[in-house]
Amino acid sequence: MNETSDSTVREMDTVSRFGGDEFVVLLTELDANFEIARSQAAIVAEKMRDSLSNPYMLEIGKDVERIRSTIEHASSASIGVFVYLGNGDTIINLLKWSDAAMYLAKGSGRNAVRFHLQKE
């Protein structure tokens, strides 16, 4: 998968905001074998989940009074994955199956990765 150890998604992949707090990540150049492609997608999804759970600092305060403070915050991610091997489905179905997998992740207690398991 030609990736460096510190990257979450690869240069060839596409990340797009889908709406609200939902994002779509299109992983390209995965293996043609379903099980290998699923494993490759799982690695990227877990890297994303792990990266998003790292704490970060938020600056809060009022500009007028020049009072600033920072607080540490952490997020979690519910990630749904659908492995598409080019079987002629519509983009609507691909998004629907990915969305269904995301709701499985949310339903499992959040901060998880779940797959929609449909093969050709």
PDB file of N, CA and C in Angstrom:
ATOM      1  N   MET A   1       0.813  -1.209   0.000  1.00  0.00           N
ATOM      2  CA  MET A   1       0.000   0.000   0.000  1.00  0.00           C
ATOM      3  C   MET A   1       0.845   1.257   0.000  1.00  0.00           C
ATOM      4  N   ASN A   2       2.048   1.268  -0.297  1.00  0.00           N
ATOM      5  CA  ASN A   2       2.862   2.475  -0.452  1.00  0.00           C
ATOM      6  C   ASN A   2       2.461   3.620   0.470  1.00  0.00           C
ATOM      7  N   GLU A   3       2.667   3.459   1.733  1.00  0.00           N
ATOM      8  CA  GLU A   3       2.356   4.526   2.672  1.00  0.00           C
ATOM      9  C   GLU A   3       3.486   4.642   3.678  1.00  0.00           C
ATOM     10  N   THR A   4       3.611   5.814   4.254  1.00  0.00           N
ATOM     11  CA  THR A   4       4.616   5.982   5.286  1.00  0.00           C
ATOM     12  C   THR A   4       3.975   5.680   6.624  1.00  0.00           C
ATOM     13  N   SER A   5       4.775   5.375   7.609  1.00  0.00           N
ATOM     14  CA  SER A   5       4.250   4.954   8.900  1.00  0.00           C
ATOM     15  C   SER A   5       3.520   6.079   9.627  1.00  0.00           C
ATOM     16  N   ASP A   6       3.797   7.331   9.290  1.00  0.00           N
ATOM     17  CA  ASP A   6       3.148   8.420  10.003  1.00  0.00           C
ATOM     18  C   ASP A   6       1.940   8.992   9.262  1.00  0.00           C
ATOM     19  N   SER A   7       1.600   8.458   8.105  1.00  0.00           N
ATOM     20  CA  SER A   7       0.456   8.982   7.375  1.00  0.00           C
ATOM     21  C   SER A   7      -0.805   8.223   7.761  1.00  0.00           C
ATOM     22  N   THR A   8      -1.915   8.911   7.735  1.00  0.00           N
ATOM     23  CA  THR A   8      -3.188   8.274   8.040  1.00  0.00           C
ATOM     24  C   THR A   8      -3.846   7.817   6.757  1.00  0.00           C
ATOM     25  N   VAL A   9      -3.996   8.709   5.814  1.00  0.00           N
ATOM     26  CA  VAL A   9      -4.443   8.322   4.475  1.00  0.00           C
ATOM     27  C   VAL A   9      -3.286   8.561   3.524  1.00  0.00           C
ATOM     28  N   ARG A  10      -3.358   7.893   2.388  1.00  0.00           N
ATOM     29  CA  ARG A  10      -2.264   7.977   1.430  1.00  0.00           C
ATOM     30  C   ARG A  10      -2.490   9.143   0.467  1.00  0.00           C
ATOM     31  N   GLU A  11      -1.440   9.581  -0.178  1.00  0.00           N
ATOM     32  CA  GLU A  11      -1.526  10.710  -1.101  1.00  0.00           C
ATOM     33  C   GLU A  11      -2.550  10.462  -2.209  1.00  0.00           C
ATOM     34  N   MET A  12      -2.719   9.227  -2.630  1.00  0.00           N
ATOM     35  CA  MET A  12      -3.636   8.886  -3.719  1.00  0.00           C
ATOM     36  C   MET A  12      -5.102   8.838  -3.281  1.00  0.00           C
ATOM     37  N   ASP A  13      -5.372   8.901  -1.981  1.00  0.00           N
ATOM     38  CA  ASP A  13      -6.732   8.816  -1.465  1.00  0.00           C
ATOM     39  C   ASP A  13      -7.404  10.189  -1.445  1.00  0.00           C
ATOM     40  N   THR A  14      -8.724  10.185  -1.345  1.00  0.00           N
ATOM     41  CA  THR A  14      -9.493  11.427  -1.338  1.00  0.00           C
ATOM     42  C   THR A  14     -10.301  11.512  -0.057  1.00  0.00           C
ATOM     43  N   VAL A  15     -10.220  12.659   0.613  1.00  0.00           N
ATOM     44  CA  VAL A  15     -11.007  12.917   1.817  1.00  0.00           C
ATOM     45  C   VAL A  15     -11.927  14.087   1.513  1.00  0.00           C
ATOM     46  N   SER A  16     -13.212  13.909   1.828  1.00  0.00           N
ATOM     47  CA  SER A  16     -14.187  14.951   1.528  1.00  0.00           C
ATOM     48  C   SER A  16     -15.211  15.042   2.647  1.00  0.00           C
ATOM     49  N   ARG A  17     -15.594  16.265   2.975  1.00  0.00           N
ATOM     50  CA  ARG A  17     -16.663  16.460   3.961  1.00  0.00           C
ATOM     51  C   ARG A  17     -17.985  16.190   3.259  1.00  0.00           C
ATOM     52  N   PHE A  18     -18.763  15.281   3.832  1.00  0.00           N
ATOM     53  CA  PHE A  18     -20.024  14.865   3.235  1.00  0.00           C
ATOM     54  C   PHE A  18     -21.176  15.716   3.753  1.00  0.00           C
ATOM     55  N   GLY A  19     -21.081  16.165   4.984  1.00  0.00           N
ATOM     56  CA  GLY A  19     -22.109  17.006   5.590  1.00  0.00           C
ATOM     57  C   GLY A  19     -22.020  16.906   7.095  1.00  0.00           C
ATOM     58  N   GLY A  20     -22.281  18.014   7.777  1.00  0.00           N
ATOM     59  CA  GLY A  20     -22.236  18.002   9.241  1.00  0.00           C
ATOM     60  C   GLY A  20     -20.904  17.486   9.733  1.00  0.00           C
ATOM     61  N   ASP A  21     -20.970  16.400  10.498  1.00  0.00           N
ATOM     62  CA  ASP A  21     -19.738  15.803  11.012  1.00  0.00           C
ATOM     63  C   ASP A  21     -19.405  14.501  10.291  1.00  0.00           C
ATOM     64  N   GLU A  22     -19.909  14.359   9.070  1.00  0.00           N
ATOM     65  CA  GLU A  22     -19.642  13.153   8.284  1.00  0.00           C
ATOM     66  C   GLU A  22     -18.663  13.446   7.148  1.00  0.00           C
ATOM     67  N   PHE A  23     -17.727  12.523   6.988  1.00  0.00           N
ATOM     68  CA  PHE A  23     -16.715  12.635   5.948  1.00  0.00           C
ATOM     69  C   PHE A  23     -16.685  11.341   5.148  1.00  0.00           C
ATOM     70  N   VAL A  24     -16.293  11.447   3.906  1.00  0.00           N
ATOM     71  CA  VAL A  24     -16.112  10.285   3.043  1.00  0.00           C
ATOM     72  C   VAL A  24     -14.633  10.212   2.693  1.00  0.00           C
ATOM     73  N   VAL A  25     -14.067   9.023   2.829  1.00  0.00           N
ATOM     74  CA  VAL A  25     -12.685   8.799   2.441  1.00  0.00           C
ATOM     75  C   VAL A  25     -12.696   7.728   1.362  1.00  0.00           C
ATOM     76  N   LEU A  26     -12.200   8.081   0.198  1.00  0.00           N
ATOM     77  CA  LEU A  26     -12.129   7.151  -0.924  1.00  0.00           C
ATOM     78  C   LEU A  26     -10.704   6.615  -1.005  1.00  0.00           C
ATOM     79  N   LEU A  27     -10.553   5.327  -0.719  1.00  0.00           N
ATOM     80  CA  LEU A  27      -9.250   4.680  -0.803  1.00  0.00           C
ATOM     81  C   LEU A  27      -9.130   4.038  -2.175  1.00  0.00           C
ATOM     82  N   THR A  28      -8.099   4.398  -2.888  1.00  0.00           N
ATOM     83  CA  THR A  28      -7.898   3.849  -4.223  1.00  0.00           C
ATOM     84  C   THR A  28      -6.708   2.895  -4.223  1.00  0.00           C
ATOM     85  N   GLU A  29      -6.582   2.163  -5.285  1.00  0.00           N
ATOM     86  CA  GLU A  29      -5.466   1.245  -5.487  1.00  0.00           C
ATOM     87  C   GLU A  29      -5.338   0.200  -4.387  1.00  0.00           C
ATOM     88  N   LEU A  30      -6.498  -0.302  -3.916  1.00  0.00           N
ATOM     89  CA  LEU A  30      -6.476  -1.431  -3.003  1.00  0.00           C
ATOM     90  C   LEU A  30      -6.358  -2.707  -3.829  1.00  0.00           C
ATOM     91  N   ASP A  31      -6.015  -3.780  -3.186  1.00  0.00           N
ATOM     92  CA  ASP A  31      -5.843  -5.060  -3.868  1.00  0.00           C
ATOM     93  C   ASP A  31      -7.162  -5.515  -4.502  1.00  0.00           C
ATOM     94  N   ALA A  32      -7.097  -6.255  -5.590  1.00  0.00           N
ATOM     95  CA  ALA A  32      -8.287  -6.775  -6.274  1.00  0.00           C
ATOM     96  C   ALA A  32      -8.928  -7.916  -5.498  1.00  0.00           C
ATOM     97  N   ASN A  33      -8.196  -8.552  -4.607  1.00  0.00           N
ATOM     98  CA  ASN A  33      -8.732  -9.615  -3.758  1.00  0.00           C
ATOM     99  C   ASN A  33      -9.522  -8.978  -2.619  1.00  0.00           C
ATOM    100  N   PHE A  34     -10.785  -9.402  -2.448  1.00  0.00           N
ATOM    101  CA  PHE A  34     -11.659  -8.787  -1.456  1.00  0.00           C
ATOM    102  C   PHE A  34     -11.064  -8.806  -0.053  1.00  0.00           C
ATOM    103  N   GLU A  35     -10.574  -9.948   0.396  1.00  0.00           N
ATOM    104  CA  GLU A  35     -10.070 -10.063   1.767  1.00  0.00           C
ATOM    105  C   GLU A  35      -8.838  -9.186   1.995  1.00  0.00           C
ATOM    106  N   ILE A  36      -7.962  -9.114   1.008  1.00  0.00           N
ATOM    107  CA  ILE A  36      -6.774  -8.260   1.133  1.00  0.00           C
ATOM    108  C   ILE A  36      -7.190  -6.792   1.127  1.00  0.00           C
ATOM    109  N   ALA A  37      -8.119  -6.422   0.233  1.00  0.00           N
ATOM    110  CA  ALA A  37      -8.609  -5.036   0.180  1.00  0.00           C
ATOM    111  C   ALA A  37      -9.275  -4.654   1.496  1.00  0.00           C
ATOM    112  N   ARG A  38     -10.049  -5.575   2.057  1.00  0.00           N
ATOM    113  CA  ARG A  38     -10.714  -5.321   3.350  1.00  0.00           C
ATOM    114  C   ARG A  38      -9.674  -5.087   4.442  1.00  0.00           C
ATOM    115  N   SER A  39      -8.619  -5.885   4.441  1.00  0.00           N
ATOM    116  CA  SER A  39      -7.552  -5.725   5.424  1.00  0.00           C
ATOM    117  C   SER A  39      -6.837  -4.388   5.249  1.00  0.00           C
ATOM    118  N   GLN A  40      -6.579  -3.997   4.014  1.00  0.00           N
ATOM    119  CA  GLN A  40      -5.932  -2.708   3.744  1.00  0.00           C
ATOM    120  C   GLN A  40      -6.826  -1.557   4.220  1.00  0.00           C
ATOM    121  N   ALA A  41      -8.123  -1.641   3.932  1.00  0.00           N
ATOM    122  CA  ALA A  41      -9.062  -0.599   4.368  1.00  0.00           C
ATOM    123  C   ALA A  41      -9.147  -0.549   5.894  1.00  0.00           C
ATOM    124  N   ALA A  42      -9.101  -1.705   6.542  1.00  0.00           N
ATOM    125  CA  ALA A  42      -9.152  -1.759   8.009  1.00  0.00           C
ATOM    126  C   ALA A  42      -7.950  -1.060   8.625  1.00  0.00           C
ATOM    127  N   ILE A  43      -6.784  -1.237   8.027  1.00  0.00           N
ATOM    128  CA  ILE A  43      -5.568  -0.582   8.535  1.00  0.00           C
ATOM    129  C   ILE A  43      -5.717   0.933   8.467  1.00  0.00           C
ATOM    130  N   VAL A  44      -6.179   1.444   7.329  1.00  0.00           N
ATOM    131  CA  VAL A  44      -6.350   2.890   7.175  1.00  0.00           C
ATOM    132  C   VAL A  44      -7.431   3.405   8.131  1.00  0.00           C
ATOM    133  N   ALA A  45      -8.556   2.691   8.244  1.00  0.00           N
ATOM    134  CA  ALA A  45      -9.641   3.122   9.126  1.00  0.00           C
ATOM    135  C   ALA A  45      -9.188   3.168  10.581  1.00  0.00           C
ATOM    136  N   GLU A  46      -8.439   2.168  11.015  1.00  0.00           N
ATOM    137  CA  GLU A  46      -7.946   2.166  12.402  1.00  0.00           C
ATOM    138  C   GLU A  46      -6.945   3.291  12.634  1.00  0.00           C
ATOM    139  N   LYS A  47      -6.106   3.591  11.633  1.00  0.00           N
ATOM    140  CA  LYS A  47      -5.180   4.724  11.755  1.00  0.00           C
ATOM    141  C   LYS A  47      -5.958   6.026  11.899  1.00  0.00           C
ATOM    142  N   MET A  48      -7.033   6.178  11.112  1.00  0.00           N
ATOM    143  CA  MET A  48      -7.849   7.392  11.201  1.00  0.00           C
ATOM    144  C   MET A  48      -8.512   7.484  12.571  1.00  0.00           C
ATOM    145  N   ARG A  49      -9.099   6.384  13.037  1.00  0.00           N
ATOM    146  CA  ARG A  49      -9.767   6.380  14.341  1.00  0.00           C
ATOM    147  C   ARG A  49      -8.780   6.720  15.448  1.00  0.00           C
ATOM    148  N   ASP A  50      -7.610   6.117  15.391  1.00  0.00           N
ATOM    149  CA  ASP A  50      -6.583   6.366  16.397  1.00  0.00           C
ATOM    150  C   ASP A  50      -6.116   7.819  16.355  1.00  0.00           C
ATOM    151  N   SER A  51      -5.867   8.330  15.158  1.00  0.00           N
ATOM    152  CA  SER A  51      -5.404   9.711  15.011  1.00  0.00           C
ATOM    153  C   SER A  51      -6.446  10.711  15.528  1.00  0.00           C
ATOM    154  N   LEU A  52      -7.709  10.454  15.212  1.00  0.00           N
ATOM    155  CA  LEU A  52      -8.767  11.368  15.656  1.00  0.00           C
ATOM    156  C   LEU A  52      -8.998  11.318  17.167  1.00  0.00           C
ATOM    157  N   SER A  53      -8.569  10.242  17.813  1.00  0.00           N
ATOM    158  CA  SER A  53      -8.761  10.139  19.262  1.00  0.00           C
ATOM    159  C   SER A  53      -7.629  10.781  20.060  1.00  0.00           C
ATOM    160  N   ASN A  54      -6.568  11.216  19.379  1.00  0.00           N
ATOM    161  CA  ASN A  54      -5.478  11.897  20.083  1.00  0.00           C
ATOM    162  C   ASN A  54      -5.970  13.215  20.652  1.00  0.00           C
ATOM    163  N   PRO A  55      -5.636  13.505  21.914  1.00  0.00           N
ATOM    164  CA  PRO A  55      -6.061  14.786  22.502  1.00  0.00           C
ATOM    165  C   PRO A  55      -5.406  15.974  21.797  1.00  0.00           C
ATOM    166  N   TYR A  56      -6.113  17.080  21.801  1.00  0.00           N
ATOM    167  CA  TYR A  56      -5.586  18.314  21.226  1.00  0.00           C
ATOM    168  C   TYR A  56      -6.008  19.477  22.117  1.00  0.00           C
ATOM    169  N   MET A  57      -5.312  20.595  21.955  1.00  0.00           N
ATOM    170  CA  MET A  57      -5.550  21.756  22.804  1.00  0.00           C
ATOM    171  C   MET A  57      -6.493  22.737  22.104  1.00  0.00           C
ATOM    172  N   LEU A  58      -7.469  23.213  22.847  1.00  0.00           N
ATOM    173  CA  LEU A  58      -8.388  24.243  22.366  1.00  0.00           C
ATOM    174  C   LEU A  58      -8.127  25.529  23.133  1.00  0.00           C
ATOM    175  N   GLU A  59      -8.024  26.620  22.407  1.00  0.00           N
ATOM    176  CA  GLU A  59      -7.836  27.905  23.051  1.00  0.00           C
ATOM    177  C   GLU A  59      -9.207  28.535  23.261  1.00  0.00           C
ATOM    178  N   ILE A  60      -9.471  28.939  24.485  1.00  0.00           N
ATOM    179  CA  ILE A  60     -10.744  29.584  24.802  1.00  0.00           C
ATOM    180  C   ILE A  60     -10.473  30.912  25.486  1.00  0.00           C
ATOM    181  N   GLY A  61     -11.435  31.787  25.468  1.00  0.00           N
ATOM    182  CA  GLY A  61     -11.282  33.075  26.117  1.00  0.00           C
ATOM    183  C   GLY A  61     -11.916  34.173  25.304  1.00  0.00           C
ATOM    184  N   LYS A  62     -11.808  35.378  25.810  1.00  0.00           N
ATOM    185  CA  LYS A  62     -12.413  36.535  25.157  1.00  0.00           C
ATOM    186  C   LYS A  62     -11.323  37.422  24.582  1.00  0.00           C
ATOM    187  N   ASP A  63     -11.485  37.810  23.316  1.00  0.00           N
ATOM    188  CA  ASP A  63     -10.505  38.686  22.669  1.00  0.00           C
ATOM    189  C   ASP A  63     -10.450  40.051  23.317  1.00  0.00           C
ATOM    190  N   VAL A  64     -11.602  40.582  23.705  1.00  0.00           N
ATOM    191  CA  VAL A  64     -11.654  41.937  24.246  1.00  0.00           C
ATOM    192  C   VAL A  64     -10.804  42.057  25.501  1.00  0.00           C
ATOM    193  N   GLU A  65     -10.894  41.090  26.373  1.00  0.00           N
ATOM    194  CA  GLU A  65     -10.169  41.149  27.635  1.00  0.00           C
ATOM    195  C   GLU A  65      -8.767  40.552  27.529  1.00  0.00           C
ATOM    196  N   ARG A  66      -8.453  40.000  26.363  1.00  0.00           N
ATOM    197  CA  ARG A  66      -7.158  39.356  26.137  1.00  0.00           C
ATOM    198  C   ARG A  66      -6.898  38.242  27.148  1.00  0.00           C
ATOM    199  N   ILE A  67      -7.975  37.659  27.639  1.00  0.00           N
ATOM    200  CA  ILE A  67      -7.849  36.532  28.556  1.00  0.00           C
ATOM    201  C   ILE A  67      -7.969  35.255  27.733  1.00  0.00           C
ATOM    202  N   ARG A  68      -6.975  34.460  27.814  1.00  0.00           N
ATOM    203  CA  ARG A  68      -6.962  33.218  27.038  1.00  0.00           C
ATOM    204  C   ARG A  68      -6.578  32.063  27.962  1.00  0.00           C
ATOM    205  N   SER A  69      -7.155  30.941  27.705  1.00  0.00           N
ATOM    206  CA  SER A  69      -6.727  29.716  28.369  1.00  0.00           C
ATOM    207  C   SER A  69      -6.917  28.573  27.386  1.00  0.00           C
ATOM    208  N   THR A  70      -6.313  27.487  27.688  1.00  0.00           N
ATOM    209  CA  THR A  70      -6.448  26.331  26.813  1.00  0.00           C
ATOM    210  C   THR A  70      -6.972  25.142  27.613  1.00  0.00           C
ATOM    211  N   ILE A  71      -7.706  24.312  26.939  1.00  0.00           N
ATOM    212  CA  ILE A  71      -8.176  23.076  27.544  1.00  0.00           C
ATOM    213  C   ILE A  71      -7.826  21.924  26.602  1.00  0.00           C
ATOM    214  N   GLU A  72      -7.625  20.776  27.189  1.00  0.00           N
ATOM    215  CA  GLU A  72      -7.352  19.604  26.378  1.00  0.00           C
ATOM    216  C   GLU A  72      -8.681  18.936  26.029  1.00  0.00           C
ATOM    217  N   HIS A  73      -8.806  18.530  24.776  1.00  0.00           N
ATOM    218  CA  HIS A  73     -10.035  17.889  24.310  1.00  0.00           C
ATOM    219  C   HIS A  73      -9.666  16.677  23.464  1.00  0.00           C
ATOM    220  N   ALA A  74     -10.535  15.675  23.476  1.00  0.00           N
ATOM    221  CA  ALA A  74     -10.330  14.497  22.629  1.00  0.00           C
ATOM    222  C   ALA A  74     -11.646  14.164  21.946  1.00  0.00           C
ATOM    223  N   SER A  75     -11.561  13.659  20.745  1.00  0.00           N
ATOM    224  CA  SER A  75     -12.737  13.268  19.972  1.00  0.00           C
ATOM    225  C   SER A  75     -12.746  11.757  19.801  1.00  0.00           C
ATOM    226  N   SER A  76     -13.847  11.278  19.314  1.00  0.00           N
ATOM    227  CA  SER A  76     -13.912   9.875  18.925  1.00  0.00           C
ATOM    228  C   SER A  76     -14.544   9.820  17.540  1.00  0.00           C
ATOM    229  N   ALA A  77     -14.352   8.705  16.854  1.00  0.00           N
ATOM    230  CA  ALA A  77     -14.895   8.582  15.506  1.00  0.00           C
ATOM    231  C   ALA A  77     -15.597   7.241  15.348  1.00  0.00           C
ATOM    232  N   SER A  78     -16.745   7.276  14.721  1.00  0.00           N
ATOM    233  CA  SER A  78     -17.449   6.065  14.316  1.00  0.00           C
ATOM    234  C   SER A  78     -17.248   5.950  12.816  1.00  0.00           C
ATOM    235  N   ILE A  79     -16.557   4.912  12.389  1.00  0.00           N
ATOM    236  CA  ILE A  79     -16.160   4.783  10.993  1.00  0.00           C
ATOM    237  C   ILE A  79     -16.839   3.574  10.364  1.00  0.00           C
ATOM    238  N   GLY A  80     -17.550   3.837   9.277  1.00  0.00           N
ATOM    239  CA  GLY A  80     -18.183   2.777   8.506  1.00  0.00           C
ATOM    240  C   GLY A  80     -17.433   2.577   7.210  1.00  0.00           C
ATOM    241  N   VAL A  81     -17.185   1.326   6.851  1.00  0.00           N
ATOM    242  CA  VAL A  81     -16.393   1.013   5.672  1.00  0.00           C
ATOM    243  C   VAL A  81     -17.177   0.082   4.748  1.00  0.00           C
ATOM    244  N   PHE A  82     -17.139   0.412   3.478  1.00  0.00           N
ATOM    245  CA  PHE A  82     -17.661  -0.479   2.450  1.00  0.00           C
ATOM    246  C   PHE A  82     -16.561  -0.675   1.423  1.00  0.00           C
ATOM    247  N   VAL A  83     -16.200  -1.928   1.175  1.00  0.00           N
ATOM    248  CA  VAL A  83     -15.161  -2.243   0.190  1.00  0.00           C
ATOM    249  C   VAL A  83     -15.858  -2.493  -1.140  1.00  0.00           C
ATOM    250  N   TYR A  84     -15.556  -1.644  -2.098  1.00  0.00           N
ATOM    251  CA  TYR A  84     -16.170  -1.699  -3.427  1.00  0.00           C
ATOM    252  C   TYR A  84     -15.146  -2.217  -4.421  1.00  0.00           C
ATOM    253  N   LEU A  85     -15.495  -3.303  -5.099  1.00  0.00           N
ATOM    254  CA  LEU A  85     -14.567  -3.900  -6.052  1.00  0.00           C
ATOM    255  C   LEU A  85     -15.019  -3.699  -7.488  1.00  0.00           C
ATOM    256  N   GLY A  86     -15.778  -2.642  -7.732  1.00  0.00           N
ATOM    257  CA  GLY A  86     -16.153  -2.307  -9.095  1.00  0.00           C
ATOM    258  C   GLY A  86     -17.206  -3.206  -9.697  1.00  0.00           C
ATOM    259  N   ASN A  87     -18.236  -3.530  -8.931  1.00  0.00           N
ATOM    260  CA  ASN A  87     -19.259  -4.437  -9.440  1.00  0.00           C
ATOM    261  C   ASN A  87     -20.459  -3.705 -10.052  1.00  0.00           C
ATOM    262  N   GLY A  88     -20.297  -2.452 -10.418  1.00  0.00           N
ATOM    263  CA  GLY A  88     -21.335  -1.726 -11.150  1.00  0.00           C
ATOM    264  C   GLY A  88     -22.405  -1.070 -10.310  1.00  0.00           C
ATOM    265  N   ASP A  89     -22.250  -1.024  -8.995  1.00  0.00           N
ATOM    266  CA  ASP A  89     -23.259  -0.379  -8.155  1.00  0.00           C
ATOM    267  C   ASP A  89     -23.233   1.135  -8.319  1.00  0.00           C
ATOM    268  N   THR A  90     -24.343   1.756  -7.932  1.00  0.00           N
ATOM    269  CA  THR A  90     -24.443   3.211  -8.016  1.00  0.00           C
ATOM    270  C   THR A  90     -23.724   3.854  -6.839  1.00  0.00           C
ATOM    271  N   ILE A  91     -23.338   5.099  -7.006  1.00  0.00           N
ATOM    272  CA  ILE A  91     -22.698   5.843  -5.919  1.00  0.00           C
ATOM    273  C   ILE A  91     -23.652   5.971  -4.734  1.00  0.00           C
ATOM    274  N   ILE A  92     -24.952   6.067  -5.017  1.00  0.00           N
ATOM    275  CA  ILE A  92     -25.954   6.147  -3.940  1.00  0.00           C
ATOM    276  C   ILE A  92     -25.887   4.894  -3.069  1.00  0.00           C
ATOM    277  N   ASN A  93     -25.802   3.705  -3.704  1.00  0.00           N
ATOM    278  CA  ASN A  93     -25.708   2.469  -2.931  1.00  0.00           C
ATOM    279  C   ASN A  93     -24.413   2.393  -2.139  1.00  0.00           C
ATOM    280  N   LEU A  94     -23.318   2.819  -2.739  1.00  0.00           N
ATOM    281  CA  LEU A  94     -22.030   2.799  -2.039  1.00  0.00           C
ATOM    282  C   LEU A  94     -22.086   3.659  -0.783  1.00  0.00           C
ATOM    283  N   LEU A  95     -22.652   4.843  -0.910  1.00  0.00           N
ATOM    284  CA  LEU A  95     -22.777   5.739   0.249  1.00  0.00           C
ATOM    285  C   LEU A  95     -23.751   5.176   1.268  1.00  0.00           C
ATOM    286  N   LYS A  96     -24.834   4.558   0.798  1.00  0.00           N
ATOM    287  CA  LYS A  96     -25.833   3.976   1.698  1.00  0.00           C
ATOM    288  C   LYS A  96     -25.206   2.852   2.528  1.00  0.00           C
ATOM    289  N   TRP A  97     -24.431   1.981   1.883  1.00  0.00           N
ATOM    290  CA  TRP A  97     -23.816   0.867   2.606  1.00  0.00           C
ATOM    291  C   TRP A  97     -22.733   1.351   3.569  1.00  0.00           C
ATOM    292  N   SER A  98     -21.981   2.359   3.169  1.00  0.00           N
ATOM    293  CA  SER A  98     -20.986   2.937   4.078  1.00  0.00           C
ATOM    294  C   SER A  98     -21.662   3.586   5.273  1.00  0.00           C
ATOM    295  N   ASP A  99     -22.759   4.280   5.011  1.00  0.00           N
ATOM    296  CA  ASP A  99     -23.523   4.928   6.079  1.00  0.00           C
ATOM    297  C   ASP A  99     -24.092   3.890   7.044  1.00  0.00           C
ATOM    298  N   ALA A 100     -24.607   2.784   6.509  1.00  0.00           N
ATOM    299  CA  ALA A 100     -25.129   1.713   7.359  1.00  0.00           C
ATOM    300  C   ALA A 100     -24.031   1.162   8.260  1.00  0.00           C
ATOM    301  N   ALA A 101     -22.835   1.003   7.715  1.00  0.00           N
ATOM    302  CA  ALA A 101     -21.707   0.521   8.517  1.00  0.00           C
ATOM    303  C   ALA A 101     -21.336   1.528   9.598  1.00  0.00           C
ATOM    304  N   MET A 102     -21.412   2.822   9.279  1.00  0.00           N
ATOM    305  CA  MET A 102     -21.116   3.851  10.275  1.00  0.00           C
ATOM    306  C   MET A 102     -22.112   3.766  11.431  1.00  0.00           C
ATOM    307  N   TYR A 103     -23.381   3.544  11.125  1.00  0.00           N
ATOM    308  CA  TYR A 103     -24.377   3.433  12.191  1.00  0.00           C
ATOM    309  C   TYR A 103     -24.172   2.165  13.016  1.00  0.00           C
ATOM    310  N   LEU A 104     -23.629   1.109  12.422  1.00  0.00           N
ATOM    311  CA  LEU A 104     -23.233  -0.064  13.207  1.00  0.00           C
ATOM    312  C   LEU A 104     -22.139   0.318  14.196  1.00  0.00           C
ATOM    313  N   ALA A 105     -21.173   1.125  13.731  1.00  0.00           N
ATOM    314  CA  ALA A 105     -20.088   1.571  14.609  1.00  0.00           C
ATOM    315  C   ALA A 105     -20.634   2.428  15.745  1.00  0.00           C
ATOM    316  N   LYS A 106     -21.548   3.334  15.429  1.00  0.00           N
ATOM    317  CA  LYS A 106     -22.160   4.159  16.480  1.00  0.00           C
ATOM    318  C   LYS A 106     -22.948   3.305  17.456  1.00  0.00           C
ATOM    319  N   GLY A 107     -23.666   2.331  16.937  1.00  0.00           N
ATOM    320  CA  GLY A 107     -24.479   1.462  17.774  1.00  0.00           C
ATOM    321  C   GLY A 107     -23.665   0.540  18.666  1.00  0.00           C
ATOM    322  N   SER A 108     -22.419   0.312  18.309  1.00  0.00           N
ATOM    323  CA  SER A 108     -21.566  -0.569  19.108  1.00  0.00           C
ATOM    324  C   SER A 108     -20.894   0.169  20.262  1.00  0.00           C
ATOM    325  N   GLY A 109     -21.234   1.419  20.438  1.00  0.00           N
ATOM    326  CA  GLY A 109     -20.653   2.191  21.526  1.00  0.00           C
ATOM    327  C   GLY A 109     -19.755   3.320  21.060  1.00  0.00           C
ATOM    328  N   ARG A 110     -19.719   3.562  19.773  1.00  0.00           N
ATOM    329  CA  ARG A 110     -18.925   4.631  19.163  1.00  0.00           C
ATOM    330  C   ARG A 110     -17.430   4.349  19.242  1.00  0.00           C
ATOM    331  N   ASN A 111     -16.649   5.223  18.635  1.00  0.00           N
ATOM    332  CA  ASN A 111     -15.195   5.084  18.580  1.00  0.00           C
ATOM    333  C   ASN A 111     -14.800   3.693  18.080  1.00  0.00           C
ATOM    334  N   ALA A 112     -15.423   3.303  16.968  1.00  0.00           N
ATOM    335  CA  ALA A 112     -15.204   1.962  16.422  1.00  0.00           C
ATOM    336  C   ALA A 112     -15.186   2.012  14.900  1.00  0.00           C
ATOM    337  N   VAL A 113     -14.709   0.933  14.310  1.00  0.00           N
ATOM    338  CA  VAL A 113     -14.733   0.753  12.860  1.00  0.00           C
ATOM    339  C   VAL A 113     -15.605  -0.470  12.582  1.00  0.00           C
ATOM    340  N   ARG A 114     -16.573  -0.307  11.674  1.00  0.00           N
ATOM    341  CA  ARG A 114     -17.428  -1.433  11.282  1.00  0.00           C
ATOM    342  C   ARG A 114     -17.515  -1.473   9.762  1.00  0.00           C
ATOM    343  N   PHE A 115     -17.710  -2.674   9.224  1.00  0.00           N
ATOM    344  CA  PHE A 115     -17.753  -2.907   7.790  1.00  0.00           C
ATOM    345  C   PHE A 115     -19.140  -3.321   7.342  1.00  0.00           C
ATOM    346  N   HIS A 116     -19.504  -2.891   6.158  1.00  0.00           N
ATOM    347  CA  HIS A 116     -20.660  -3.457   5.451  1.00  0.00           C
ATOM    348  C   HIS A 116     -20.061  -4.560   4.593  1.00  0.00           C
ATOM    349  N   LEU A 117     -20.474  -5.787   4.832  1.00  0.00           N
ATOM    350  CA  LEU A 117     -19.822  -6.929   4.194  1.00  0.00           C
ATOM    351  C   LEU A 117     -20.624  -7.445   3.021  1.00  0.00           C
ATOM    352  N   GLN A 118     -20.450  -6.810   1.893  1.00  0.00           N
ATOM    353  CA  GLN A 118     -21.086  -7.285   0.674  1.00  0.00           C
ATOM    354  C   GLN A 118     -20.003  -7.537  -0.355  1.00  0.00           C
ATOM    355  N   LYS A 119     -19.971  -8.748  -0.861  1.00  0.00           N
ATOM    356  CA  LYS A 119     -18.999  -9.095  -1.894  1.00  0.00           C
ATOM    357  C   LYS A 119     -19.681  -9.072  -3.227  1.00  0.00           C
ATOM    358  N   GLU A 120     -18.865  -9.132  -4.290  1.00  0.00           N
ATOM    359  CA  GLU A 120     -19.404  -9.205  -5.652  1.00  0.00           C
ATOM    360  C   GLU A 120     -20.241 -10.463  -5.792  1.00  0.00           C
TER     361      GLU A 120
END
